[in-house]
Amino acid sequence: MGTPDDDVFERFAEDYDRWFDENLAAYRAELTRIRRLLPHPGTRAIEVGVGSGRFAGPLGIPLGLEPSLPLARIARRRGIETILGKGEAIPIRTGTCSSVLLVTVICFLDDPVPALLEIHRILAPRGTLVIGFLDREGEVARKYRRDTRKHRFLSRARFYSIDEVRDLLGRAGFSIKEVESRAGFSVIAAEKNG
């Protein structure tokens, strides 16, 4: 979303999706933690950066936004209604979404603030954003910063600390409701102000 290296997700969509099967324990742990902080999705929930639908599907989120056509096709096969687009310009009416999920997307944005402002715009008053990300100080992010042969997807990532994400959310008009961080994967639930 918004990086010059978006084509890695176009060319290697199946490899990206396969990671979840090859790392089932980590995937299930992330899914469980997100589920705990995500309000019941309902029909007005959306995952921005839905990828291959690995989170939206099991969490019951009916709609996804995705810039990669190959990943969007995989998400559609998983039953997610998928819109092609980027988080910086979401083609959804203002104030119509009850909740938004954003998982491991913030690290691929050139500037997260425009996307967070768009998410704020599409959320209904007091709507919830749940954001999952690899914490810069966590084990996974440290590993890929040290590894010169970095994983083809995470080599394009810019990792943030929990405090930095809190600041970004505050700048976009969100109040933090809950933070959970374990094993280098952090989940923040935030509420739309105003």
N, C-alpha and C. Protein backbone atom coordinates (compact mmCIF):
# COMPACT_ATOMS: atom_id res chain seq x y z
N MET A 1 0.83 -1.18 0.00
CA MET A 1 0.00 0.00 0.00
C MET A 1 0.88 1.24 0.00
N GLY A 2 1.03 1.83 -1.12
CA GLY A 2 1.73 3.09 -1.17
C GLY A 2 3.24 2.99 -1.19
N THR A 3 3.82 1.82 -1.48
CA THR A 3 5.26 1.73 -1.57
C THR A 3 5.65 1.38 -2.99
N PRO A 4 6.88 1.72 -3.39
CA PRO A 4 7.32 1.38 -4.73
C PRO A 4 7.50 -0.12 -4.92
N ASP A 5 7.52 -0.89 -3.83
CA ASP A 5 7.75 -2.32 -3.92
C ASP A 5 6.48 -3.14 -3.84
N ASP A 6 5.32 -2.51 -4.11
CA ASP A 6 4.05 -3.23 -4.05
C ASP A 6 4.06 -4.48 -4.92
N ASP A 7 4.88 -4.48 -5.98
CA ASP A 7 4.85 -5.60 -6.91
C ASP A 7 5.27 -6.91 -6.27
N VAL A 8 5.97 -6.90 -5.13
CA VAL A 8 6.33 -8.14 -4.47
C VAL A 8 5.08 -8.92 -4.08
N PHE A 9 4.02 -8.21 -3.71
CA PHE A 9 2.77 -8.87 -3.37
C PHE A 9 2.03 -9.33 -4.62
N GLU A 10 2.26 -8.68 -5.73
CA GLU A 10 1.67 -9.11 -7.00
C GLU A 10 2.34 -10.41 -7.48
N ARG A 11 3.65 -10.43 -7.43
CA ARG A 11 4.41 -11.57 -7.99
C ARG A 11 4.42 -12.78 -7.08
N PHE A 12 4.31 -12.56 -5.78
CA PHE A 12 4.48 -13.67 -4.84
C PHE A 12 3.27 -13.86 -3.92
N ALA A 13 2.07 -13.64 -4.44
CA ALA A 13 0.85 -13.73 -3.63
C ALA A 13 0.68 -15.12 -3.01
N GLU A 14 0.93 -16.16 -3.78
CA GLU A 14 0.78 -17.52 -3.26
C GLU A 14 1.80 -17.81 -2.15
N ASP A 15 3.03 -17.30 -2.31
CA ASP A 15 4.05 -17.47 -1.27
C ASP A 15 3.63 -16.76 0.01
N TYR A 16 3.10 -15.55 -0.15
CA TYR A 16 2.63 -14.79 1.01
C TYR A 16 1.55 -15.59 1.74
N ASP A 17 0.59 -16.10 1.01
CA ASP A 17 -0.51 -16.85 1.62
C ASP A 17 -0.02 -18.14 2.27
N ARG A 18 0.95 -18.78 1.67
CA ARG A 18 1.48 -20.05 2.19
C ARG A 18 2.14 -19.87 3.55
N TRP A 19 2.67 -18.68 3.82
CA TRP A 19 3.33 -18.43 5.11
C TRP A 19 2.42 -18.81 6.27
N PHE A 20 1.13 -18.54 6.16
CA PHE A 20 0.19 -18.79 7.25
C PHE A 20 0.07 -20.29 7.54
N ASP A 21 0.14 -21.13 6.50
CA ASP A 21 0.11 -22.57 6.70
C ASP A 21 1.42 -23.08 7.29
N GLU A 22 2.52 -22.48 6.85
CA GLU A 22 3.84 -22.91 7.31
C GLU A 22 4.15 -22.42 8.71
N ASN A 23 3.44 -21.42 9.19
CA ASN A 23 3.66 -20.84 10.52
C ASN A 23 2.34 -20.81 11.28
N LEU A 24 1.69 -21.96 11.32
CA LEU A 24 0.34 -22.07 11.84
C LEU A 24 0.21 -21.63 13.30
N ALA A 25 1.18 -21.98 14.13
CA ALA A 25 1.08 -21.60 15.55
C ALA A 25 1.12 -20.08 15.72
N ALA A 26 2.04 -19.41 15.03
CA ALA A 26 2.14 -17.95 15.12
C ALA A 26 0.88 -17.30 14.56
N TYR A 27 0.39 -17.80 13.43
CA TYR A 27 -0.82 -17.27 12.81
C TYR A 27 -2.02 -17.41 13.76
N ARG A 28 -2.19 -18.59 14.33
CA ARG A 28 -3.32 -18.81 15.24
C ARG A 28 -3.23 -17.92 16.49
N ALA A 29 -2.01 -17.72 16.99
CA ALA A 29 -1.83 -16.86 18.16
C ALA A 29 -2.22 -15.42 17.82
N GLU A 30 -1.80 -14.93 16.66
CA GLU A 30 -2.15 -13.58 16.23
C GLU A 30 -3.67 -13.45 16.07
N LEU A 31 -4.27 -14.43 15.44
CA LEU A 31 -5.71 -14.43 15.21
C LEU A 31 -6.49 -14.39 16.53
N THR A 32 -6.05 -15.18 17.49
CA THR A 32 -6.70 -15.22 18.80
C THR A 32 -6.62 -13.88 19.50
N ARG A 33 -5.46 -13.25 19.45
CA ARG A 33 -5.28 -11.96 20.12
C ARG A 33 -6.08 -10.86 19.45
N ILE A 34 -6.13 -10.89 18.13
CA ILE A 34 -6.94 -9.89 17.41
C ILE A 34 -8.42 -10.10 17.74
N ARG A 35 -8.87 -11.34 17.72
CA ARG A 35 -10.28 -11.66 18.00
C ARG A 35 -10.68 -11.11 19.37
N ARG A 36 -9.77 -11.19 20.34
CA ARG A 36 -10.08 -10.72 21.69
C ARG A 36 -10.34 -9.21 21.73
N LEU A 37 -9.63 -8.44 20.90
CA LEU A 37 -9.78 -6.98 20.94
C LEU A 37 -10.76 -6.43 19.90
N LEU A 38 -11.13 -7.25 18.94
CA LEU A 38 -12.03 -6.80 17.86
C LEU A 38 -13.48 -6.94 18.30
N PRO A 39 -14.26 -5.85 18.22
CA PRO A 39 -15.68 -5.99 18.51
C PRO A 39 -16.34 -6.91 17.47
N HIS A 40 -17.46 -7.48 17.83
CA HIS A 40 -18.16 -8.35 16.88
C HIS A 40 -18.31 -7.60 15.56
N PRO A 41 -17.74 -8.13 14.45
CA PRO A 41 -17.65 -7.36 13.22
C PRO A 41 -18.96 -6.92 12.58
N GLY A 42 -19.94 -7.75 12.49
CA GLY A 42 -21.18 -7.35 11.82
C GLY A 42 -20.96 -7.07 10.33
N THR A 43 -21.98 -6.57 9.69
CA THR A 43 -21.95 -6.38 8.24
C THR A 43 -21.25 -5.10 7.81
N ARG A 44 -20.92 -4.23 8.74
CA ARG A 44 -20.30 -2.95 8.38
C ARG A 44 -18.83 -2.89 8.75
N ALA A 45 -18.20 -4.03 8.91
CA ALA A 45 -16.77 -4.09 9.24
C ALA A 45 -15.96 -4.29 7.96
N ILE A 46 -14.72 -3.80 7.97
CA ILE A 46 -13.83 -3.93 6.82
C ILE A 46 -12.41 -4.19 7.32
N GLU A 47 -11.67 -4.98 6.57
CA GLU A 47 -10.23 -5.11 6.81
C GLU A 47 -9.53 -4.35 5.70
N VAL A 48 -8.75 -3.36 6.08
CA VAL A 48 -7.97 -2.57 5.14
C VAL A 48 -6.62 -3.26 4.98
N GLY A 49 -6.28 -3.61 3.74
CA GLY A 49 -5.10 -4.43 3.50
C GLY A 49 -5.43 -5.88 3.82
N VAL A 50 -6.54 -6.35 3.27
CA VAL A 50 -7.07 -7.68 3.58
C VAL A 50 -6.13 -8.81 3.15
N GLY A 51 -5.21 -8.52 2.23
CA GLY A 51 -4.30 -9.57 1.78
C GLY A 51 -5.07 -10.73 1.19
N SER A 52 -4.75 -11.93 1.65
CA SER A 52 -5.40 -13.13 1.13
C SER A 52 -6.61 -13.55 1.97
N GLY A 53 -7.03 -12.69 2.88
CA GLY A 53 -8.24 -12.97 3.67
C GLY A 53 -8.02 -13.85 4.88
N ARG A 54 -6.78 -14.05 5.27
CA ARG A 54 -6.47 -14.96 6.39
C ARG A 54 -7.00 -14.47 7.74
N PHE A 55 -7.24 -13.17 7.88
CA PHE A 55 -7.80 -12.65 9.13
C PHE A 55 -9.29 -12.37 8.96
N ALA A 56 -9.66 -11.67 7.90
CA ALA A 56 -11.07 -11.30 7.69
C ALA A 56 -11.97 -12.53 7.69
N GLY A 57 -11.57 -13.57 6.99
CA GLY A 57 -12.39 -14.77 6.88
C GLY A 57 -12.76 -15.36 8.23
N PRO A 58 -11.77 -15.82 9.02
CA PRO A 58 -12.10 -16.44 10.30
C PRO A 58 -12.71 -15.49 11.31
N LEU A 59 -12.47 -14.19 11.16
CA LEU A 59 -13.02 -13.21 12.11
C LEU A 59 -14.42 -12.75 11.72
N GLY A 60 -14.90 -13.16 10.56
CA GLY A 60 -16.25 -12.80 10.14
C GLY A 60 -16.36 -11.40 9.57
N ILE A 61 -15.27 -10.85 9.07
CA ILE A 61 -15.29 -9.52 8.46
C ILE A 61 -15.66 -9.70 6.99
N PRO A 62 -16.78 -9.15 6.56
CA PRO A 62 -17.29 -9.45 5.22
C PRO A 62 -16.63 -8.70 4.07
N LEU A 63 -15.93 -7.60 4.37
CA LEU A 63 -15.43 -6.72 3.32
C LEU A 63 -13.94 -6.47 3.52
N GLY A 64 -13.20 -6.41 2.39
CA GLY A 64 -11.78 -6.11 2.46
C GLY A 64 -11.37 -5.13 1.39
N LEU A 65 -10.35 -4.37 1.67
CA LEU A 65 -9.72 -3.46 0.71
C LEU A 65 -8.32 -3.97 0.50
N GLU A 66 -7.90 -4.08 -0.77
CA GLU A 66 -6.58 -4.65 -1.06
C GLU A 66 -6.03 -4.06 -2.35
N PRO A 67 -4.77 -3.59 -2.36
CA PRO A 67 -4.19 -3.04 -3.58
C PRO A 67 -3.67 -4.11 -4.55
N SER A 68 -3.41 -5.32 -4.08
CA SER A 68 -2.84 -6.38 -4.92
C SER A 68 -3.96 -7.24 -5.51
N LEU A 69 -4.07 -7.24 -6.82
CA LEU A 69 -5.11 -8.06 -7.47
C LEU A 69 -4.95 -9.55 -7.18
N PRO A 70 -3.73 -10.12 -7.24
CA PRO A 70 -3.61 -11.55 -6.92
C PRO A 70 -4.03 -11.88 -5.48
N LEU A 71 -3.68 -11.03 -4.52
CA LEU A 71 -4.12 -11.28 -3.14
C LEU A 71 -5.62 -11.09 -3.00
N ALA A 72 -6.17 -10.09 -3.68
CA ALA A 72 -7.62 -9.87 -3.64
C ALA A 72 -8.37 -11.08 -4.17
N ARG A 73 -7.84 -11.70 -5.21
CA ARG A 73 -8.49 -12.91 -5.77
C ARG A 73 -8.50 -14.04 -4.75
N ILE A 74 -7.40 -14.20 -4.00
CA ILE A 74 -7.36 -15.25 -2.97
C ILE A 74 -8.38 -14.93 -1.87
N ALA A 75 -8.45 -13.67 -1.46
CA ALA A 75 -9.43 -13.27 -0.44
C ALA A 75 -10.85 -13.54 -0.92
N ARG A 76 -11.13 -13.26 -2.19
CA ARG A 76 -12.47 -13.52 -2.73
C ARG A 76 -12.79 -15.01 -2.68
N ARG A 77 -11.80 -15.85 -2.95
CA ARG A 77 -12.02 -17.31 -2.86
C ARG A 77 -12.36 -17.72 -1.43
N ARG A 78 -11.94 -16.93 -0.47
CA ARG A 78 -12.24 -17.20 0.94
C ARG A 78 -13.56 -16.55 1.36
N GLY A 79 -14.29 -15.99 0.41
CA GLY A 79 -15.62 -15.45 0.69
C GLY A 79 -15.64 -14.00 1.14
N ILE A 80 -14.54 -13.28 0.99
CA ILE A 80 -14.48 -11.87 1.38
C ILE A 80 -14.81 -11.02 0.16
N GLU A 81 -15.79 -10.14 0.28
CA GLU A 81 -16.05 -9.18 -0.79
C GLU A 81 -14.88 -8.21 -0.79
N THR A 82 -14.15 -8.15 -1.88
CA THR A 82 -12.90 -7.39 -1.89
C THR A 82 -12.94 -6.27 -2.91
N ILE A 83 -12.55 -5.08 -2.44
CA ILE A 83 -12.47 -3.89 -3.28
C ILE A 83 -10.99 -3.64 -3.55
N LEU A 84 -10.65 -3.40 -4.81
CA LEU A 84 -9.27 -3.02 -5.12
C LEU A 84 -9.07 -1.56 -4.77
N GLY A 85 -8.05 -1.27 -3.99
CA GLY A 85 -7.78 0.11 -3.62
C GLY A 85 -6.72 0.18 -2.54
N LYS A 86 -6.36 1.40 -2.21
CA LYS A 86 -5.32 1.65 -1.22
C LYS A 86 -5.90 2.35 0.00
N GLY A 87 -5.26 2.14 1.13
CA GLY A 87 -5.72 2.71 2.39
C GLY A 87 -5.72 4.22 2.43
N GLU A 88 -4.95 4.85 1.56
CA GLU A 88 -4.90 6.31 1.55
C GLU A 88 -6.09 6.93 0.83
N ALA A 89 -6.87 6.13 0.13
CA ALA A 89 -8.06 6.63 -0.60
C ALA A 89 -9.10 5.52 -0.63
N ILE A 90 -9.79 5.32 0.47
CA ILE A 90 -10.74 4.21 0.62
C ILE A 90 -12.08 4.60 -0.01
N PRO A 91 -12.54 3.82 -1.00
CA PRO A 91 -13.79 4.15 -1.69
C PRO A 91 -15.04 3.71 -0.91
N ILE A 92 -15.18 4.25 0.29
CA ILE A 92 -16.30 3.94 1.19
C ILE A 92 -16.84 5.27 1.70
N ARG A 93 -18.16 5.34 1.86
CA ARG A 93 -18.77 6.58 2.36
C ARG A 93 -18.33 6.89 3.80
N THR A 94 -18.28 8.14 4.10
CA THR A 94 -17.89 8.64 5.42
C THR A 94 -18.84 8.11 6.50
N GLY A 95 -18.26 7.64 7.59
CA GLY A 95 -19.03 7.24 8.77
C GLY A 95 -19.85 5.99 8.63
N THR A 96 -19.51 5.09 7.69
CA THR A 96 -20.37 3.93 7.46
C THR A 96 -19.84 2.61 8.03
N CYS A 97 -18.62 2.57 8.50
CA CYS A 97 -18.05 1.30 8.99
C CYS A 97 -18.08 1.25 10.51
N SER A 98 -18.47 0.11 11.03
CA SER A 98 -18.54 -0.07 12.49
C SER A 98 -17.16 -0.35 13.08
N SER A 99 -16.35 -1.09 12.33
CA SER A 99 -15.00 -1.40 12.79
C SER A 99 -14.09 -1.62 11.59
N VAL A 100 -12.80 -1.39 11.83
CA VAL A 100 -11.78 -1.57 10.80
C VAL A 100 -10.65 -2.39 11.42
N LEU A 101 -10.18 -3.35 10.64
CA LEU A 101 -9.03 -4.15 11.04
C LEU A 101 -7.87 -3.80 10.11
N LEU A 102 -6.69 -3.66 10.67
CA LEU A 102 -5.47 -3.34 9.92
C LEU A 102 -4.36 -4.21 10.50
N VAL A 103 -3.99 -5.29 9.79
CA VAL A 103 -3.01 -6.23 10.32
C VAL A 103 -1.74 -6.22 9.46
N THR A 104 -0.64 -5.93 10.07
CA THR A 104 0.68 -5.91 9.44
C THR A 104 0.65 -5.12 8.13
N VAL A 105 -0.01 -3.98 8.17
CA VAL A 105 -0.11 -3.10 7.00
C VAL A 105 0.67 -1.81 7.25
N ILE A 106 0.61 -1.32 8.48
CA ILE A 106 1.23 -0.03 8.78
C ILE A 106 2.70 0.00 8.40
N CYS A 107 3.37 -1.15 8.51
CA CYS A 107 4.81 -1.20 8.22
C CYS A 107 5.12 -1.09 6.72
N PHE A 108 4.10 -1.20 5.88
CA PHE A 108 4.32 -1.10 4.43
C PHE A 108 3.86 0.24 3.85
N LEU A 109 3.38 1.14 4.69
CA LEU A 109 2.91 2.44 4.21
C LEU A 109 4.05 3.45 4.22
N ASP A 110 4.15 4.23 3.15
CA ASP A 110 5.17 5.29 3.12
C ASP A 110 4.94 6.26 4.27
N ASP A 111 3.70 6.64 4.50
CA ASP A 111 3.30 7.52 5.58
C ASP A 111 1.97 7.00 6.11
N PRO A 112 1.94 6.44 7.32
CA PRO A 112 0.69 5.86 7.84
C PRO A 112 -0.42 6.86 8.10
N VAL A 113 -0.09 8.13 8.35
CA VAL A 113 -1.11 9.09 8.76
C VAL A 113 -2.24 9.24 7.73
N PRO A 114 -1.97 9.41 6.43
CA PRO A 114 -3.09 9.53 5.48
C PRO A 114 -4.03 8.32 5.52
N ALA A 115 -3.49 7.12 5.65
CA ALA A 115 -4.35 5.93 5.72
C ALA A 115 -5.15 5.92 7.03
N LEU A 116 -4.52 6.30 8.13
CA LEU A 116 -5.24 6.34 9.41
C LEU A 116 -6.32 7.41 9.40
N LEU A 117 -6.07 8.52 8.73
CA LEU A 117 -7.10 9.57 8.59
C LEU A 117 -8.27 9.06 7.74
N GLU A 118 -7.98 8.28 6.70
CA GLU A 118 -9.04 7.70 5.87
C GLU A 118 -9.86 6.70 6.68
N ILE A 119 -9.19 5.90 7.49
CA ILE A 119 -9.90 4.94 8.34
C ILE A 119 -10.78 5.70 9.33
N HIS A 120 -10.25 6.76 9.90
CA HIS A 120 -11.05 7.60 10.81
C HIS A 120 -12.28 8.13 10.09
N ARG A 121 -12.11 8.55 8.85
CA ARG A 121 -13.22 9.10 8.05
C ARG A 121 -14.33 8.07 7.83
N ILE A 122 -13.97 6.84 7.50
CA ILE A 122 -15.00 5.84 7.15
C ILE A 122 -15.66 5.22 8.38
N LEU A 123 -15.03 5.35 9.55
CA LEU A 123 -15.63 4.79 10.76
C LEU A 123 -16.81 5.62 11.24
N ALA A 124 -17.81 4.92 11.74
CA ALA A 124 -18.95 5.58 12.40
C ALA A 124 -18.45 6.21 13.71
N PRO A 125 -19.18 7.17 14.26
CA PRO A 125 -18.79 7.74 15.56
C PRO A 125 -18.59 6.62 16.59
N ARG A 126 -17.49 6.72 17.33
CA ARG A 126 -17.10 5.74 18.34
C ARG A 126 -16.79 4.37 17.74
N GLY A 127 -16.54 4.32 16.42
CA GLY A 127 -16.14 3.08 15.77
C GLY A 127 -14.75 2.66 16.23
N THR A 128 -14.44 1.40 16.04
CA THR A 128 -13.19 0.84 16.54
C THR A 128 -12.25 0.46 15.41
N LEU A 129 -10.99 0.82 15.60
CA LEU A 129 -9.89 0.35 14.74
C LEU A 129 -9.06 -0.60 15.57
N VAL A 130 -8.83 -1.79 15.04
CA VAL A 130 -7.92 -2.74 15.67
C VAL A 130 -6.74 -2.89 14.73
N ILE A 131 -5.56 -2.58 15.24
CA ILE A 131 -4.35 -2.62 14.43
C ILE A 131 -3.36 -3.61 15.02
N GLY A 132 -2.92 -4.55 14.18
CA GLY A 132 -1.92 -5.52 14.58
C GLY A 132 -0.64 -5.24 13.82
N PHE A 133 0.50 -5.29 14.50
CA PHE A 133 1.76 -4.96 13.84
C PHE A 133 2.93 -5.63 14.54
N LEU A 134 4.02 -5.78 13.81
CA LEU A 134 5.26 -6.30 14.37
C LEU A 134 5.98 -5.15 15.05
N ASP A 135 6.13 -5.25 16.36
CA ASP A 135 6.77 -4.22 17.17
C ASP A 135 8.25 -4.14 16.82
N ARG A 136 8.74 -2.94 16.58
CA ARG A 136 10.14 -2.72 16.20
C ARG A 136 11.10 -3.37 17.18
N GLU A 137 10.75 -3.38 18.46
CA GLU A 137 11.63 -3.96 19.47
C GLU A 137 11.39 -5.45 19.68
N GLY A 138 10.46 -6.02 18.95
CA GLY A 138 10.13 -7.43 19.12
C GLY A 138 11.11 -8.34 18.40
N GLU A 139 11.01 -9.60 18.73
CA GLU A 139 11.91 -10.64 18.21
C GLU A 139 11.90 -10.72 16.68
N VAL A 140 10.74 -10.72 16.06
CA VAL A 140 10.65 -10.88 14.61
C VAL A 140 11.27 -9.69 13.89
N ALA A 141 10.92 -8.48 14.31
CA ALA A 141 11.47 -7.28 13.67
C ALA A 141 12.98 -7.21 13.85
N ARG A 142 13.47 -7.53 15.03
CA ARG A 142 14.93 -7.52 15.26
C ARG A 142 15.62 -8.52 14.35
N LYS A 143 15.02 -9.69 14.20
CA LYS A 143 15.62 -10.72 13.34
C LYS A 143 15.75 -10.22 11.90
N TYR A 144 14.71 -9.60 11.37
CA TYR A 144 14.76 -9.16 9.98
C TYR A 144 15.60 -7.90 9.79
N ARG A 145 15.80 -7.13 10.84
CA ARG A 145 16.72 -5.98 10.73
C ARG A 145 18.16 -6.45 10.70
N ARG A 146 18.47 -7.56 11.39
CA ARG A 146 19.83 -8.10 11.42
C ARG A 146 20.15 -8.93 10.18
N ASP A 147 19.16 -9.61 9.64
CA ASP A 147 19.36 -10.56 8.55
C ASP A 147 19.56 -9.82 7.23
N THR A 148 20.72 -9.98 6.63
CA THR A 148 20.99 -9.29 5.37
C THR A 148 20.25 -9.92 4.19
N ARG A 149 19.77 -11.15 4.38
CA ARG A 149 19.01 -11.82 3.31
C ARG A 149 17.52 -11.71 3.56
N LYS A 150 17.08 -10.70 4.21
CA LYS A 150 15.73 -10.51 4.70
C LYS A 150 14.64 -11.21 3.87
N HIS A 151 13.63 -11.61 4.59
CA HIS A 151 12.43 -12.18 3.98
C HIS A 151 11.91 -11.23 2.91
N ARG A 152 11.48 -11.78 1.78
CA ARG A 152 11.13 -10.91 0.63
C ARG A 152 10.03 -9.90 0.93
N PHE A 153 9.14 -10.17 1.87
CA PHE A 153 8.08 -9.21 2.19
C PHE A 153 8.53 -8.24 3.28
N LEU A 154 9.05 -8.77 4.37
CA LEU A 154 9.42 -7.91 5.50
C LEU A 154 10.66 -7.06 5.22
N SER A 155 11.40 -7.38 4.18
CA SER A 155 12.55 -6.54 3.84
C SER A 155 12.08 -5.16 3.40
N ARG A 156 10.82 -5.03 3.02
CA ARG A 156 10.27 -3.74 2.59
C ARG A 156 9.57 -3.00 3.74
N ALA A 157 9.60 -3.61 4.92
CA ALA A 157 8.84 -3.08 6.05
C ALA A 157 9.60 -2.01 6.82
N ARG A 158 8.85 -1.07 7.38
CA ARG A 158 9.37 -0.10 8.34
C ARG A 158 8.65 -0.40 9.65
N PHE A 159 9.40 -0.85 10.62
CA PHE A 159 8.82 -1.26 11.89
C PHE A 159 8.66 -0.08 12.83
N TYR A 160 7.58 -0.09 13.61
CA TYR A 160 7.28 0.96 14.57
C TYR A 160 7.23 0.37 15.97
N SER A 161 7.50 1.20 16.96
CA SER A 161 7.32 0.81 18.36
C SER A 161 5.86 1.04 18.74
N ILE A 162 5.46 0.49 19.86
CA ILE A 162 4.10 0.70 20.36
C ILE A 162 3.85 2.20 20.57
N ASP A 163 4.82 2.88 21.16
CA ASP A 163 4.64 4.32 21.41
C ASP A 163 4.49 5.11 20.11
N GLU A 164 5.24 4.73 19.09
CA GLU A 164 5.11 5.42 17.80
C GLU A 164 3.73 5.19 17.19
N VAL A 165 3.21 3.98 17.28
CA VAL A 165 1.88 3.69 16.74
C VAL A 165 0.83 4.44 17.56
N ARG A 166 0.98 4.48 18.87
CA ARG A 166 0.07 5.27 19.71
C ARG A 166 0.04 6.73 19.24
N ASP A 167 1.23 7.29 18.98
CA ASP A 167 1.33 8.68 18.52
C ASP A 167 0.64 8.86 17.16
N LEU A 168 0.88 7.94 16.23
CA LEU A 168 0.24 8.02 14.91
C LEU A 168 -1.28 7.98 15.04
N LEU A 169 -1.77 7.09 15.89
CA LEU A 169 -3.22 6.98 16.09
C LEU A 169 -3.79 8.26 16.70
N GLY A 170 -3.08 8.83 17.66
CA GLY A 170 -3.53 10.08 18.27
C GLY A 170 -3.57 11.21 17.25
N ARG A 171 -2.57 11.29 16.39
CA ARG A 171 -2.54 12.32 15.35
C ARG A 171 -3.68 12.18 14.37
N ALA A 172 -4.19 10.95 14.21
CA ALA A 172 -5.29 10.70 13.28
C ALA A 172 -6.66 10.78 13.95
N GLY A 173 -6.71 11.12 15.24
CA GLY A 173 -7.99 11.31 15.91
C GLY A 173 -8.54 10.10 16.62
N PHE A 174 -7.67 9.21 17.10
CA PHE A 174 -8.11 8.01 17.81
C PHE A 174 -7.68 8.07 19.26
N SER A 175 -8.48 7.45 20.12
CA SER A 175 -8.13 7.24 21.53
C SER A 175 -7.84 5.76 21.72
N ILE A 176 -6.78 5.48 22.43
CA ILE A 176 -6.38 4.09 22.68
C ILE A 176 -7.30 3.49 23.74
N LYS A 177 -7.86 2.31 23.43
CA LYS A 177 -8.70 1.60 24.39
C LYS A 177 -7.93 0.48 25.09
N GLU A 178 -7.13 -0.26 24.31
CA GLU A 178 -6.42 -1.40 24.89
C GLU A 178 -5.21 -1.73 24.02
N VAL A 179 -4.14 -2.18 24.68
CA VAL A 179 -2.90 -2.57 24.01
C VAL A 179 -2.50 -3.93 24.53
N GLU A 180 -2.13 -4.81 23.63
CA GLU A 180 -1.60 -6.11 24.02
C GLU A 180 -0.38 -6.40 23.17
N SER A 181 0.70 -6.79 23.81
CA SER A 181 1.92 -7.09 23.07
C SER A 181 2.56 -8.34 23.62
N ARG A 182 2.86 -9.25 22.73
CA ARG A 182 3.49 -10.51 23.12
C ARG A 182 4.26 -11.07 21.94
N ALA A 183 5.45 -11.56 22.20
CA ALA A 183 6.29 -12.21 21.20
C ALA A 183 6.55 -11.32 19.99
N GLY A 184 6.59 -10.01 20.22
CA GLY A 184 6.92 -9.08 19.14
C GLY A 184 5.76 -8.70 18.24
N PHE A 185 4.55 -9.22 18.52
CA PHE A 185 3.37 -8.86 17.75
C PHE A 185 2.45 -8.09 18.68
N SER A 186 2.14 -6.84 18.32
CA SER A 186 1.31 -5.99 19.15
C SER A 186 -0.05 -5.76 18.51
N VAL A 187 -1.07 -5.63 19.36
CA VAL A 187 -2.43 -5.35 18.91
C VAL A 187 -2.93 -4.17 19.73
N ILE A 188 -3.44 -3.17 19.02
CA ILE A 188 -4.01 -2.00 19.68
C ILE A 188 -5.45 -1.83 19.21
N ALA A 189 -6.35 -1.65 20.17
CA ALA A 189 -7.74 -1.29 19.87
C ALA A 189 -7.87 0.19 20.16
N ALA A 190 -8.37 0.94 19.20
CA ALA A 190 -8.52 2.39 19.34
C ALA A 190 -9.92 2.79 18.90
N GLU A 191 -10.43 3.84 19.50
CA GLU A 191 -11.78 4.32 19.20
C GLU A 191 -11.70 5.67 18.49
N LYS A 192 -12.58 5.84 17.51
CA LYS A 192 -12.66 7.12 16.80
C LYS A 192 -13.15 8.19 17.74
N ASN A 193 -12.42 9.29 17.80
CA ASN A 193 -12.85 10.45 18.57
C ASN A 193 -13.85 11.24 17.73
N GLY A 194 -14.82 11.83 18.40
CA GLY A 194 -15.76 12.73 17.71
C GLY A 194 -16.78 12.12 16.87
